[in-house]
Amino acid sequence: MDENYYKQLYDLQAIDFVLVELNLYLDTHPNDPNALQQFNDHSKTRQQLAAQFEMNYGPLMQFGHSYSQNGWKWNSPPWPWQV
């Protein structure tokens, strides 16, 4: 895979980490408007990053969570969890 594949996948993993941490924080601080705004902003960014990755390299998730725009690519490794 090209270098951009790994960069986009890294960016997704980084923002997923941020979202998990914010999620945990919000579980104990549900009325923190700043944290909620950060969570929503990062969620929107994650959707954009995932859409761009999927447009370039195929779906990230199955079972209807990812739209398959450029044909069926589940049989074309490497899969995101293999890199």
Protein backbone atom coordinates (compact mmCIF):
# COMPACT_ATOMS: atom_id res chain seq x y z
CA MET A 1 0.00 0.00 0.00
CA ASP A 2 1.11 3.55 -0.58
CA GLU A 3 2.29 5.87 2.18
CA ASN A 4 -1.00 7.82 2.17
CA TYR A 5 -2.87 4.64 3.16
CA TYR A 6 -0.83 4.36 6.35
CA LYS A 7 -1.11 8.09 7.11
CA GLN A 8 -4.90 8.07 6.74
CA LEU A 9 -5.20 4.92 8.84
CA TYR A 10 -2.95 6.46 11.53
CA ASP A 11 -5.10 9.61 11.57
CA LEU A 12 -8.20 7.48 12.09
CA GLN A 13 -6.57 5.56 14.92
CA ALA A 14 -5.46 8.78 16.60
CA ILE A 15 -8.90 10.36 16.47
CA ASP A 16 -10.49 7.11 17.66
CA PHE A 17 -8.20 7.26 20.71
CA VAL A 18 -9.32 10.83 21.42
CA LEU A 19 -12.97 9.84 21.09
CA VAL A 20 -12.60 6.90 23.48
CA GLU A 21 -10.93 9.14 26.06
CA LEU A 22 -13.60 11.82 25.70
CA ASN A 23 -16.28 9.15 25.94
CA LEU A 24 -14.82 7.89 29.21
CA TYR A 25 -14.55 11.43 30.56
CA LEU A 26 -18.13 12.22 29.60
CA ASP A 27 -19.32 9.08 31.40
CA THR A 28 -18.21 10.71 34.66
CA HIS A 29 -18.69 14.38 33.68
CA PRO A 30 -21.87 14.37 31.54
CA ASN A 31 -22.58 18.07 32.08
CA ASP A 32 -19.23 19.39 30.82
CA PRO A 33 -20.21 21.44 27.75
CA ASN A 34 -16.59 21.88 26.63
CA ALA A 35 -15.96 18.13 26.60
CA LEU A 36 -19.24 17.50 24.79
CA GLN A 37 -18.33 20.08 22.15
CA GLN A 38 -14.91 18.48 21.71
CA PHE A 39 -16.53 15.06 21.37
CA ASN A 40 -18.96 16.32 18.73
CA ASP A 41 -16.23 18.15 16.80
CA HIS A 42 -13.96 15.10 16.80
CA SER A 43 -16.87 12.85 15.83
CA LYS A 44 -17.54 15.00 12.78
CA THR A 45 -13.85 14.98 11.87
CA ARG A 46 -13.74 11.20 12.27
CA GLN A 47 -16.69 10.80 9.90
CA GLN A 48 -14.89 12.93 7.32
CA LEU A 49 -11.62 11.01 7.72
CA ALA A 50 -13.41 7.66 7.47
CA ALA A 51 -15.32 8.75 4.37
CA GLN A 52 -12.09 9.86 2.69
CA PHE A 53 -10.30 6.62 3.61
CA GLU A 54 -13.19 4.50 2.35
CA MET A 55 -13.37 6.45 -0.91
CA ASN A 56 -9.67 5.77 -1.52
CA TYR A 57 -9.21 2.28 -0.09
CA GLY A 58 -12.54 0.60 0.53
CA PRO A 59 -14.77 0.05 3.56
CA LEU A 60 -13.50 0.03 7.14
CA MET A 61 -16.46 -1.79 8.66
CA GLN A 62 -18.96 -4.33 7.44
CA PHE A 63 -22.60 -5.15 8.11
CA GLY A 64 -23.93 -1.91 6.66
CA HIS A 65 -21.68 0.47 8.59
CA SER A 66 -19.59 1.38 5.54
CA TYR A 67 -20.76 2.10 2.04
CA SER A 68 -18.89 0.19 -0.68
CA GLN A 69 -18.41 2.79 -3.42
CA ASN A 70 -15.79 1.24 -5.66
CA GLY A 71 -16.84 -2.38 -5.77
CA TRP A 72 -16.56 -5.14 -3.21
CA LYS A 73 -13.10 -4.93 -1.64
CA TRP A 74 -13.38 -7.18 1.40
CA ASN A 75 -11.40 -9.85 -0.38
CA SER A 76 -8.49 -7.47 -1.12
CA PRO A 77 -5.89 -7.38 1.67
CA PRO A 78 -4.40 -5.80 3.60
CA TRP A 79 -7.38 -5.22 5.82
CA PRO A 80 -7.24 -2.27 8.25
CA TRP A 81 -6.63 -4.56 11.24
CA GLN A 82 -3.64 -6.20 9.52
CA VAL A 83 -1.48 -3.10 9.25
